[in-house]
All heavy atoms as atom14 arrays in JSON, in Angstrom:
{
  "sequence": "GYLIDEIKLGVGRYGEDAVQQQISAYLEAGTELWGAEFIGVRLCA",
  "atom14_mask": [
    [1, 1, 1, 1, 0, 0, 0, 0, 0, 0, 0, 0, 0, 0],
    [1, 1, 1, 1, 1, 1, 1, 1, 1, 1, 1, 1, 0, 0],
    [1, 1, 1, 1, 1, 1, 1, 1, 0, 0, 0, 0, 0, 0],
    [1, 1, 1, 1, 1, 1, 1, 1, 0, 0, 0, 0, 0, 0],
    [1, 1, 1, 1, 1, 1, 1, 1, 0, 0, 0, 0, 0, 0],
    [1, 1, 1, 1, 1, 1, 1, 1, 1, 0, 0, 0, 0, 0],
    [1, 1, 1, 1, 1, 1, 1, 1, 0, 0, 0, 0, 0, 0],
    [1, 1, 1, 1, 1, 1, 1, 1, 1, 0, 0, 0, 0, 0],
    [1, 1, 1, 1, 1, 1, 1, 1, 0, 0, 0, 0, 0, 0],
    [1, 1, 1, 1, 0, 0, 0, 0, 0, 0, 0, 0, 0, 0],
    [1, 1, 1, 1, 1, 1, 1, 0, 0, 0, 0, 0, 0, 0],
    [1, 1, 1, 1, 0, 0, 0, 0, 0, 0, 0, 0, 0, 0],
    [1, 1, 1, 1, 1, 1, 1, 1, 1, 1, 1, 0, 0, 0],
    [1, 1, 1, 1, 1, 1, 1, 1, 1, 1, 1, 1, 0, 0],
    [1, 1, 1, 1, 0, 0, 0, 0, 0, 0, 0, 0, 0, 0],
    [1, 1, 1, 1, 1, 1, 1, 1, 1, 0, 0, 0, 0, 0],
    [1, 1, 1, 1, 1, 1, 1, 1, 0, 0, 0, 0, 0, 0],
    [1, 1, 1, 1, 1, 0, 0, 0, 0, 0, 0, 0, 0, 0],
    [1, 1, 1, 1, 1, 1, 1, 0, 0, 0, 0, 0, 0, 0],
    [1, 1, 1, 1, 1, 1, 1, 1, 1, 0, 0, 0, 0, 0],
    [1, 1, 1, 1, 1, 1, 1, 1, 1, 0, 0, 0, 0, 0],
    [1, 1, 1, 1, 1, 1, 1, 1, 1, 0, 0, 0, 0, 0],
    [1, 1, 1, 1, 1, 1, 1, 1, 0, 0, 0, 0, 0, 0],
    [1, 1, 1, 1, 1, 1, 0, 0, 0, 0, 0, 0, 0, 0],
    [1, 1, 1, 1, 1, 0, 0, 0, 0, 0, 0, 0, 0, 0],
    [1, 1, 1, 1, 1, 1, 1, 1, 1, 1, 1, 1, 0, 0],
    [1, 1, 1, 1, 1, 1, 1, 1, 0, 0, 0, 0, 0, 0],
    [1, 1, 1, 1, 1, 1, 1, 1, 1, 0, 0, 0, 0, 0],
    [1, 1, 1, 1, 1, 0, 0, 0, 0, 0, 0, 0, 0, 0],
    [1, 1, 1, 1, 0, 0, 0, 0, 0, 0, 0, 0, 0, 0],
    [1, 1, 1, 1, 1, 1, 1, 0, 0, 0, 0, 0, 0, 0],
    [1, 1, 1, 1, 1, 1, 1, 1, 1, 0, 0, 0, 0, 0],
    [1, 1, 1, 1, 1, 1, 1, 1, 0, 0, 0, 0, 0, 0],
    [1, 1, 1, 1, 1, 1, 1, 1, 1, 1, 1, 1, 1, 1],
    [1, 1, 1, 1, 0, 0, 0, 0, 0, 0, 0, 0, 0, 0],
    [1, 1, 1, 1, 1, 0, 0, 0, 0, 0, 0, 0, 0, 0],
    [1, 1, 1, 1, 1, 1, 1, 1, 1, 0, 0, 0, 0, 0],
    [1, 1, 1, 1, 1, 1, 1, 1, 1, 1, 1, 0, 0, 0],
    [1, 1, 1, 1, 1, 1, 1, 1, 0, 0, 0, 0, 0, 0],
    [1, 1, 1, 1, 0, 0, 0, 0, 0, 0, 0, 0, 0, 0],
    [1, 1, 1, 1, 1, 1, 1, 0, 0, 0, 0, 0, 0, 0],
    [1, 1, 1, 1, 1, 1, 1, 1, 1, 1, 1, 0, 0, 0],
    [1, 1, 1, 1, 1, 1, 1, 1, 0, 0, 0, 0, 0, 0],
    [1, 1, 1, 1, 1, 1, 0, 0, 0, 0, 0, 0, 0, 0],
    [1, 1, 1, 1, 1, 0, 0, 0, 0, 0, 0, 0, 0, 0]
  ],
  "atom14_positions": [
    [[-13.59, -7.98, -1.28], [-13.12, -6.82, -1.91], [-11.78, -6.89, -2.56], [-11.42, -8.01, -3.09], [0.0, 0.0, 0.0], [0.0, 0.0, 0.0], [0.0, 0.0, 0.0], [0.0, 0.0, 0.0], [0.0, 0.0, 0.0], [0.0, 0.0, 0.0], [0.0, 0.0, 0.0], [0.0, 0.0, 0.0], [0.0, 0.0, 0.0], [0.0, 0.0, 0.0]],
    [[-11.12, -5.77, -2.62], [-9.86, -5.68, -3.4], [-8.62, -5.33, -2.52], [-8.94, -4.63, -1.59], [-10.07, -4.41, -4.41], [-11.0, -4.66, -5.64], [-12.22, -4.47, -5.36], [-10.66, -5.39, -6.66], [-13.16, -4.69, -6.32], [-11.55, -5.53, -7.67], [-12.82, -5.22, -7.46], [-13.83, -5.49, -8.52], [0.0, 0.0, 0.0], [0.0, 0.0, 0.0]],
    [[-7.64, -5.9, -2.87], [-6.34, -5.62, -2.08], [-5.16, -5.49, -2.88], [-5.0, -6.13, -4.01], [-6.04, -7.05, -1.28], [-4.64, -7.06, -0.43], [-4.61, -6.26, 0.77], [-4.39, -8.72, -0.21], [0.0, 0.0, 0.0], [0.0, 0.0, 0.0], [0.0, 0.0, 0.0], [0.0, 0.0, 0.0], [0.0, 0.0, 0.0], [0.0, 0.0, 0.0]],
    [[-4.35, -4.55, -2.45], [-3.08, -4.1, -3.24], [-1.96, -4.7, -2.43], [-1.87, -4.4, -1.22], [-2.88, -2.69, -3.56], [-3.97, -2.17, -4.44], [-1.48, -2.46, -4.13], [-3.99, -0.69, -4.49], [0.0, 0.0, 0.0], [0.0, 0.0, 0.0], [0.0, 0.0, 0.0], [0.0, 0.0, 0.0], [0.0, 0.0, 0.0], [0.0, 0.0, 0.0]],
    [[-0.98, -5.56, -3.0], [0.2, -6.0, -2.44], [1.25, -5.21, -2.96], [1.59, -5.13, -4.16], [0.34, -7.59, -2.77], [-0.21, -8.42, -1.64], [-0.72, -7.91, -0.75], [0.09, -9.69, -1.81], [0.0, 0.0, 0.0], [0.0, 0.0, 0.0], [0.0, 0.0, 0.0], [0.0, 0.0, 0.0], [0.0, 0.0, 0.0], [0.0, 0.0, 0.0]],
    [[2.04, -4.63, -2.06], [3.34, -3.96, -2.35], [4.38, -4.89, -1.94], [4.58, -5.11, -0.73], [3.37, -2.59, -1.74], [4.67, -1.86, -1.87], [5.09, -1.72, -3.37], [4.25, -1.47, -4.37], [6.37, -1.61, -3.65], [0.0, 0.0, 0.0], [0.0, 0.0, 0.0], [0.0, 0.0, 0.0], [0.0, 0.0, 0.0], [0.0, 0.0, 0.0]],
    [[5.29, -5.29, -2.88], [6.31, -6.33, -2.63], [7.55, -5.6, -2.39], [7.98, -4.93, -3.31], [6.42, -7.41, -3.72], [5.04, -8.11, -3.94], [7.53, -8.37, -3.48], [5.04, -8.91, -5.24], [0.0, 0.0, 0.0], [0.0, 0.0, 0.0], [0.0, 0.0, 0.0], [0.0, 0.0, 0.0], [0.0, 0.0, 0.0], [0.0, 0.0, 0.0]],
    [[8.15, -5.75, -1.08], [9.51, -5.2, -0.86], [10.37, -6.4, -0.39], [9.87, -7.17, 0.42], [9.33, -4.17, 0.17], [8.65, -2.93, -0.24], [9.47, -2.14, -1.3], [8.78, -0.81, -1.62], [9.2, -0.31, -2.96], [0.0, 0.0, 0.0], [0.0, 0.0, 0.0], [0.0, 0.0, 0.0], [0.0, 0.0, 0.0], [0.0, 0.0, 0.0]],
    [[11.61, -6.34, -0.65], [12.48, -7.41, -0.2], [12.66, -7.23, 1.28], [12.84, -8.3, 2.04], [13.87, -7.4, -0.94], [13.8, -7.66, -2.42], [15.14, -7.81, -2.93], [12.86, -8.92, -2.83], [0.0, 0.0, 0.0], [0.0, 0.0, 0.0], [0.0, 0.0, 0.0], [0.0, 0.0, 0.0], [0.0, 0.0, 0.0], [0.0, 0.0, 0.0]],
    [[12.65, -6.06, 1.73], [12.66, -5.71, 3.23], [12.21, -4.26, 3.45], [12.24, -3.51, 2.49], [0.0, 0.0, 0.0], [0.0, 0.0, 0.0], [0.0, 0.0, 0.0], [0.0, 0.0, 0.0], [0.0, 0.0, 0.0], [0.0, 0.0, 0.0], [0.0, 0.0, 0.0], [0.0, 0.0, 0.0], [0.0, 0.0, 0.0], [0.0, 0.0, 0.0]],
    [[12.05, -3.96, 4.64], [11.61, -2.6, 4.94], [12.85, -1.85, 5.05], [12.79, -0.56, 4.94], [10.65, -2.46, 6.03], [9.24, -3.03, 5.7], [11.21, -3.05, 7.34], [0.0, 0.0, 0.0], [0.0, 0.0, 0.0], [0.0, 0.0, 0.0], [0.0, 0.0, 0.0], [0.0, 0.0, 0.0], [0.0, 0.0, 0.0], [0.0, 0.0, 0.0]],
    [[13.95, -2.27, 5.28], [15.3, -1.67, 5.34], [15.49, -0.69, 6.44], [14.74, -0.61, 7.41], [0.0, 0.0, 0.0], [0.0, 0.0, 0.0], [0.0, 0.0, 0.0], [0.0, 0.0, 0.0], [0.0, 0.0, 0.0], [0.0, 0.0, 0.0], [0.0, 0.0, 0.0], [0.0, 0.0, 0.0], [0.0, 0.0, 0.0], [0.0, 0.0, 0.0]],
    [[16.61, 0.01, 6.27], [17.04, 0.96, 7.34], [16.03, 2.05, 7.64], [15.81, 2.49, 8.93], [18.35, 1.61, 6.93], [18.91, 2.78, 7.86], [20.08, 3.36, 7.26], [21.13, 2.46, 7.49], [22.41, 2.71, 6.9], [22.54, 3.69, 6.17], [23.29, 1.75, 7.06], [0.0, 0.0, 0.0], [0.0, 0.0, 0.0], [0.0, 0.0, 0.0]],
    [[15.41, 2.48, 6.75], [14.41, 3.69, 6.98], [12.98, 3.16, 7.14], [12.04, 3.95, 7.41], [14.53, 4.64, 5.87], [15.95, 5.16, 5.74], [16.72, 4.71, 4.65], [16.46, 6.1, 6.61], [18.01, 5.11, 4.44], [17.78, 6.48, 6.46], [18.54, 6.02, 5.47], [19.82, 6.45, 5.36], [0.0, 0.0, 0.0], [0.0, 0.0, 0.0]],
    [[12.8, 1.88, 7.21], [11.43, 1.26, 7.51], [10.37, 1.69, 6.65], [10.58, 2.09, 5.52], [0.0, 0.0, 0.0], [0.0, 0.0, 0.0], [0.0, 0.0, 0.0], [0.0, 0.0, 0.0], [0.0, 0.0, 0.0], [0.0, 0.0, 0.0], [0.0, 0.0, 0.0], [0.0, 0.0, 0.0], [0.0, 0.0, 0.0], [0.0, 0.0, 0.0]],
    [[9.26, 1.77, 7.16], [7.97, 1.97, 6.34], [8.03, 3.48, 5.92], [7.27, 3.79, 4.86], [6.7, 1.56, 7.14], [6.7, 0.2, 7.42], [5.63, -0.12, 8.39], [4.39, 0.26, 8.31], [6.03, -0.9, 9.41], [0.0, 0.0, 0.0], [0.0, 0.0, 0.0], [0.0, 0.0, 0.0], [0.0, 0.0, 0.0], [0.0, 0.0, 0.0]],
    [[8.7, 4.34, 6.62], [8.67, 5.83, 6.17], [9.21, 5.99, 4.82], [8.72, 6.89, 4.12], [9.68, 6.54, 7.11], [8.98, 6.68, 8.59], [7.85, 6.32, 8.74], [9.77, 6.99, 9.57], [0.0, 0.0, 0.0], [0.0, 0.0, 0.0], [0.0, 0.0, 0.0], [0.0, 0.0, 0.0], [0.0, 0.0, 0.0], [0.0, 0.0, 0.0]],
    [[10.11, 5.2, 4.33], [10.67, 5.21, 2.98], [9.51, 4.74, 1.99], [9.8, 5.41, 0.83], [11.83, 4.36, 2.93], [0.0, 0.0, 0.0], [0.0, 0.0, 0.0], [0.0, 0.0, 0.0], [0.0, 0.0, 0.0], [0.0, 0.0, 0.0], [0.0, 0.0, 0.0], [0.0, 0.0, 0.0], [0.0, 0.0, 0.0], [0.0, 0.0, 0.0]],
    [[8.59, 4.17, 2.25], [7.61, 3.7, 1.29], [6.18, 4.43, 1.55], [5.27, 4.15, 0.9], [7.51, 2.33, 0.97], [8.7, 1.62, 0.56], [7.0, 1.62, 2.39], [0.0, 0.0, 0.0], [0.0, 0.0, 0.0], [0.0, 0.0, 0.0], [0.0, 0.0, 0.0], [0.0, 0.0, 0.0], [0.0, 0.0, 0.0], [0.0, 0.0, 0.0]],
    [[6.18, 5.4, 2.55], [5.0, 5.89, 2.9], [4.26, 6.64, 1.84], [3.0, 6.56, 1.61], [5.13, 6.82, 4.17], [3.87, 7.37, 4.78], [2.96, 6.14, 5.19], [3.47, 5.29, 6.05], [1.73, 6.21, 4.78], [0.0, 0.0, 0.0], [0.0, 0.0, 0.0], [0.0, 0.0, 0.0], [0.0, 0.0, 0.0], [0.0, 0.0, 0.0]],
    [[4.88, 7.39, 1.02], [4.33, 8.22, -0.02], [3.77, 7.2, -1.08], [2.63, 7.38, -1.58], [5.29, 9.0, -0.8], [5.66, 10.35, -0.18], [6.44, 11.14, -1.29], [7.39, 10.68, -1.71], [6.18, 12.44, -1.37], [0.0, 0.0, 0.0], [0.0, 0.0, 0.0], [0.0, 0.0, 0.0], [0.0, 0.0, 0.0], [0.0, 0.0, 0.0]],
    [[4.37, 6.14, -1.46], [3.9, 5.04, -2.21], [2.65, 4.47, -1.78], [1.67, 4.35, -2.43], [5.0, 4.04, -2.5], [4.75, 3.01, -3.65], [5.86, 2.07, -3.68], [6.74, 2.02, -2.93], [5.94, 1.31, -4.97], [0.0, 0.0, 0.0], [0.0, 0.0, 0.0], [0.0, 0.0, 0.0], [0.0, 0.0, 0.0], [0.0, 0.0, 0.0]],
    [[2.56, 4.03, -0.44], [1.51, 3.42, 0.19], [0.41, 4.37, 0.17], [-0.78, 4.07, -0.09], [1.84, 2.98, 1.59], [3.01, 2.02, 1.63], [0.47, 2.52, 2.34], [2.6, 0.67, 1.11], [0.0, 0.0, 0.0], [0.0, 0.0, 0.0], [0.0, 0.0, 0.0], [0.0, 0.0, 0.0], [0.0, 0.0, 0.0], [0.0, 0.0, 0.0]],
    [[0.54, 5.71, 0.5], [-0.37, 6.65, 0.51], [-1.06, 6.87, -0.99], [-2.38, 6.99, -0.97], [0.12, 8.02, 0.99], [0.41, 7.92, 2.33], [0.0, 0.0, 0.0], [0.0, 0.0, 0.0], [0.0, 0.0, 0.0], [0.0, 0.0, 0.0], [0.0, 0.0, 0.0], [0.0, 0.0, 0.0], [0.0, 0.0, 0.0], [0.0, 0.0, 0.0]],
    [[-0.24, 6.87, -1.94], [-0.76, 6.94, -3.29], [-1.72, 5.77, -3.55], [-2.62, 5.97, -4.27], [0.41, 7.07, -4.26], [0.0, 0.0, 0.0], [0.0, 0.0, 0.0], [0.0, 0.0, 0.0], [0.0, 0.0, 0.0], [0.0, 0.0, 0.0], [0.0, 0.0, 0.0], [0.0, 0.0, 0.0], [0.0, 0.0, 0.0], [0.0, 0.0, 0.0]],
    [[-1.26, 4.62, -3.13], [-2.07, 3.37, -3.45], [-3.35, 3.4, -2.73], [-4.3, 2.93, -3.18], [-1.24, 2.09, -3.22], [0.01, 1.84, -4.15], [0.92, 1.11, -3.8], [-0.14, 2.49, -5.43], [2.07, 0.83, -4.57], [1.14, 2.34, -6.24], [2.13, 1.51, -5.88], [3.13, 1.21, -6.74], [0.0, 0.0, 0.0], [0.0, 0.0, 0.0]],
    [[-3.26, 3.83, -1.5], [-4.49, 3.95, -0.69], [-5.56, 4.83, -1.44], [-6.7, 4.52, -1.55], [-4.28, 4.41, 0.74], [-3.7, 3.36, 1.68], [-3.14, 4.08, 3.03], [-4.6, 2.29, 2.03], [0.0, 0.0, 0.0], [0.0, 0.0, 0.0], [0.0, 0.0, 0.0], [0.0, 0.0, 0.0], [0.0, 0.0, 0.0], [0.0, 0.0, 0.0]],
    [[-5.02, 6.0, -1.86], [-5.91, 7.05, -2.58], [-6.45, 6.36, -3.79], [-7.68, 6.44, -4.1], [-5.04, 8.2, -2.73], [-5.94, 9.33, -3.32], [-5.12, 10.57, -3.6], [-4.46, 11.01, -2.79], [-5.09, 11.12, -4.69], [0.0, 0.0, 0.0], [0.0, 0.0, 0.0], [0.0, 0.0, 0.0], [0.0, 0.0, 0.0], [0.0, 0.0, 0.0]],
    [[-5.58, 5.61, -4.53], [-5.97, 5.14, -5.84], [-6.97, 4.07, -5.74], [-8.0, 3.89, -6.37], [-4.74, 4.54, -6.61], [0.0, 0.0, 0.0], [0.0, 0.0, 0.0], [0.0, 0.0, 0.0], [0.0, 0.0, 0.0], [0.0, 0.0, 0.0], [0.0, 0.0, 0.0], [0.0, 0.0, 0.0], [0.0, 0.0, 0.0], [0.0, 0.0, 0.0]],
    [[-6.76, 3.23, -4.75], [-7.62, 2.04, -4.41], [-8.95, 2.4, -4.01], [-10.01, 1.93, -4.48], [0.0, 0.0, 0.0], [0.0, 0.0, 0.0], [0.0, 0.0, 0.0], [0.0, 0.0, 0.0], [0.0, 0.0, 0.0], [0.0, 0.0, 0.0], [0.0, 0.0, 0.0], [0.0, 0.0, 0.0], [0.0, 0.0, 0.0], [0.0, 0.0, 0.0]],
    [[-9.0, 3.52, -3.25], [-10.28, 4.03, -2.7], [-11.04, 4.66, -3.99], [-12.28, 4.47, -4.12], [-10.08, 5.16, -1.71], [-9.35, 4.52, -0.6], [-11.35, 5.72, -1.11], [0.0, 0.0, 0.0], [0.0, 0.0, 0.0], [0.0, 0.0, 0.0], [0.0, 0.0, 0.0], [0.0, 0.0, 0.0], [0.0, 0.0, 0.0], [0.0, 0.0, 0.0]],
    [[-10.31, 5.33, -4.84], [-10.98, 5.88, -6.06], [-11.49, 4.81, -6.97], [-12.48, 4.86, -7.56], [-10.02, 6.77, -6.86], [-9.7, 8.1, -6.09], [-8.65, 8.94, -6.97], [-8.47, 8.69, -8.2], [-8.08, 9.87, -6.25], [0.0, 0.0, 0.0], [0.0, 0.0, 0.0], [0.0, 0.0, 0.0], [0.0, 0.0, 0.0], [0.0, 0.0, 0.0]],
    [[-10.78, 3.76, -7.08], [-11.07, 2.7, -8.04], [-12.22, 1.89, -7.57], [-13.05, 1.4, -8.27], [-9.71, 1.79, -8.35], [-8.76, 2.42, -9.24], [-7.42, 1.6, -9.11], [-9.2, 2.55, -10.71], [0.0, 0.0, 0.0], [0.0, 0.0, 0.0], [0.0, 0.0, 0.0], [0.0, 0.0, 0.0], [0.0, 0.0, 0.0], [0.0, 0.0, 0.0]],
    [[-12.07, 1.37, -6.17], [-12.95, 0.41, -5.76], [-13.91, 0.82, -4.67], [-14.72, -0.04, -4.12], [-12.16, -0.82, -5.41], [-11.31, -1.36, -6.53], [-11.81, -1.82, -7.71], [-9.94, -1.52, -6.56], [-10.8, -2.21, -8.58], [-9.61, -2.1, -7.86], [-8.81, -1.36, -5.66], [-8.25, -2.31, -8.2], [-7.55, -1.7, -6.11], [-7.34, -2.17, -7.34]],
    [[-13.77, 2.07, -4.19], [-14.64, 2.51, -3.13], [-14.6, 1.74, -1.83], [-13.51, 1.22, -1.37], [0.0, 0.0, 0.0], [0.0, 0.0, 0.0], [0.0, 0.0, 0.0], [0.0, 0.0, 0.0], [0.0, 0.0, 0.0], [0.0, 0.0, 0.0], [0.0, 0.0, 0.0], [0.0, 0.0, 0.0], [0.0, 0.0, 0.0], [0.0, 0.0, 0.0]],
    [[-15.79, 1.41, -1.43], [-16.01, 0.74, -0.08], [-15.5, -0.84, -0.25], [-15.18, -1.46, 0.79], [-17.47, 0.79, 0.36], [0.0, 0.0, 0.0], [0.0, 0.0, 0.0], [0.0, 0.0, 0.0], [0.0, 0.0, 0.0], [0.0, 0.0, 0.0], [0.0, 0.0, 0.0], [0.0, 0.0, 0.0], [0.0, 0.0, 0.0], [0.0, 0.0, 0.0]],
    [[-15.26, -1.28, -1.54], [-14.88, -2.59, -1.61], [-13.35, -2.72, -1.51], [-12.76, -3.9, -1.42], [-15.29, -3.21, -3.06], [-16.64, -3.39, -3.15], [-16.93, -4.12, -4.46], [-17.13, -3.39, -5.42], [-16.91, -5.28, -4.53], [0.0, 0.0, 0.0], [0.0, 0.0, 0.0], [0.0, 0.0, 0.0], [0.0, 0.0, 0.0], [0.0, 0.0, 0.0]],
    [[-12.58, -1.63, -1.38], [-11.1, -1.6, -1.23], [-10.82, -1.86, 0.16], [-11.19, -1.17, 1.13], [-10.57, -0.26, -1.75], [-9.12, -0.25, -1.57], [-8.21, -1.08, -2.1], [-8.67, 0.96, -0.89], [-6.85, -1.01, -2.09], [-7.19, 1.04, -0.82], [-6.4, -0.01, -1.45], [0.0, 0.0, 0.0], [0.0, 0.0, 0.0], [0.0, 0.0, 0.0]],
    [[-10.04, -2.9, 0.39], [-9.61, -3.43, 1.72], [-8.39, -2.53, 2.14], [-8.33, -2.15, 3.32], [-9.21, -4.92, 1.77], [-10.5, -5.56, 1.59], [-8.48, -5.22, 3.06], [-10.23, -7.13, 1.29], [0.0, 0.0, 0.0], [0.0, 0.0, 0.0], [0.0, 0.0, 0.0], [0.0, 0.0, 0.0], [0.0, 0.0, 0.0], [0.0, 0.0, 0.0]],
    [[-7.48, -2.47, 1.44], [-6.2, -1.7, 1.63], [-4.9, -2.16, 1.04], [-5.12, -2.85, 0.07], [0.0, 0.0, 0.0], [0.0, 0.0, 0.0], [0.0, 0.0, 0.0], [0.0, 0.0, 0.0], [0.0, 0.0, 0.0], [0.0, 0.0, 0.0], [0.0, 0.0, 0.0], [0.0, 0.0, 0.0], [0.0, 0.0, 0.0], [0.0, 0.0, 0.0]],
    [[-3.75, -1.74, 1.48], [-2.52, -2.08, 0.95], [-1.7, -2.91, 1.94], [-1.57, -2.46, 3.06], [-1.79, -0.75, 0.52], [-0.33, -1.1, 0.09], [-2.5, 0.03, -0.45], [0.0, 0.0, 0.0], [0.0, 0.0, 0.0], [0.0, 0.0, 0.0], [0.0, 0.0, 0.0], [0.0, 0.0, 0.0], [0.0, 0.0, 0.0], [0.0, 0.0, 0.0]],
    [[-1.27, -4.05, 1.4], [-0.55, -4.93, 2.23], [0.97, -4.68, 1.87], [1.34, -5.02, 0.69], [-0.89, -6.34, 2.11], [-0.08, -7.29, 3.07], [-0.72, -8.68, 2.92], [-0.63, -9.22, 1.6], [-0.62, -10.6, 1.42], [-0.77, -11.42, 2.42], [-0.56, -10.94, 0.18], [0.0, 0.0, 0.0], [0.0, 0.0, 0.0], [0.0, 0.0, 0.0]],
    [[1.81, -4.27, 2.81], [3.25, -3.98, 2.52], [3.87, -5.44, 2.95], [3.9, -5.84, 4.06], [3.81, -2.9, 3.41], [5.26, -2.73, 3.32], [5.78, -2.48, 1.88], [5.77, -1.66, 4.26], [0.0, 0.0, 0.0], [0.0, 0.0, 0.0], [0.0, 0.0, 0.0], [0.0, 0.0, 0.0], [0.0, 0.0, 0.0], [0.0, 0.0, 0.0]],
    [[4.4, -6.17, 1.88], [4.8, -7.64, 1.92], [6.42, -7.42, 2.1], [7.02, -7.23, 1.05], [4.48, -8.37, 0.85], [2.64, -8.68, 0.63], [0.0, 0.0, 0.0], [0.0, 0.0, 0.0], [0.0, 0.0, 0.0], [0.0, 0.0, 0.0], [0.0, 0.0, 0.0], [0.0, 0.0, 0.0], [0.0, 0.0, 0.0], [0.0, 0.0, 0.0]],
    [[6.92, -7.59, 3.36], [8.39, -7.55, 3.54], [8.93, -8.92, 3.33], [8.8, -9.71, 4.33], [8.66, -6.84, 4.94], [0.0, 0.0, 0.0], [0.0, 0.0, 0.0], [0.0, 0.0, 0.0], [0.0, 0.0, 0.0], [0.0, 0.0, 0.0], [0.0, 0.0, 0.0], [0.0, 0.0, 0.0], [0.0, 0.0, 0.0], [0.0, 0.0, 0.0]]
  ]
}
């Protein structure tokens, strides 16, 4: 399937909450683009 990598230098003080909107948008977009072939979003710290 398909995988989206989100590259972050670190998750920082606010952790994953700070990028949650971005991850949610990518999960939605990936599902729309690739359906069942979409694996998910990897947050690369």
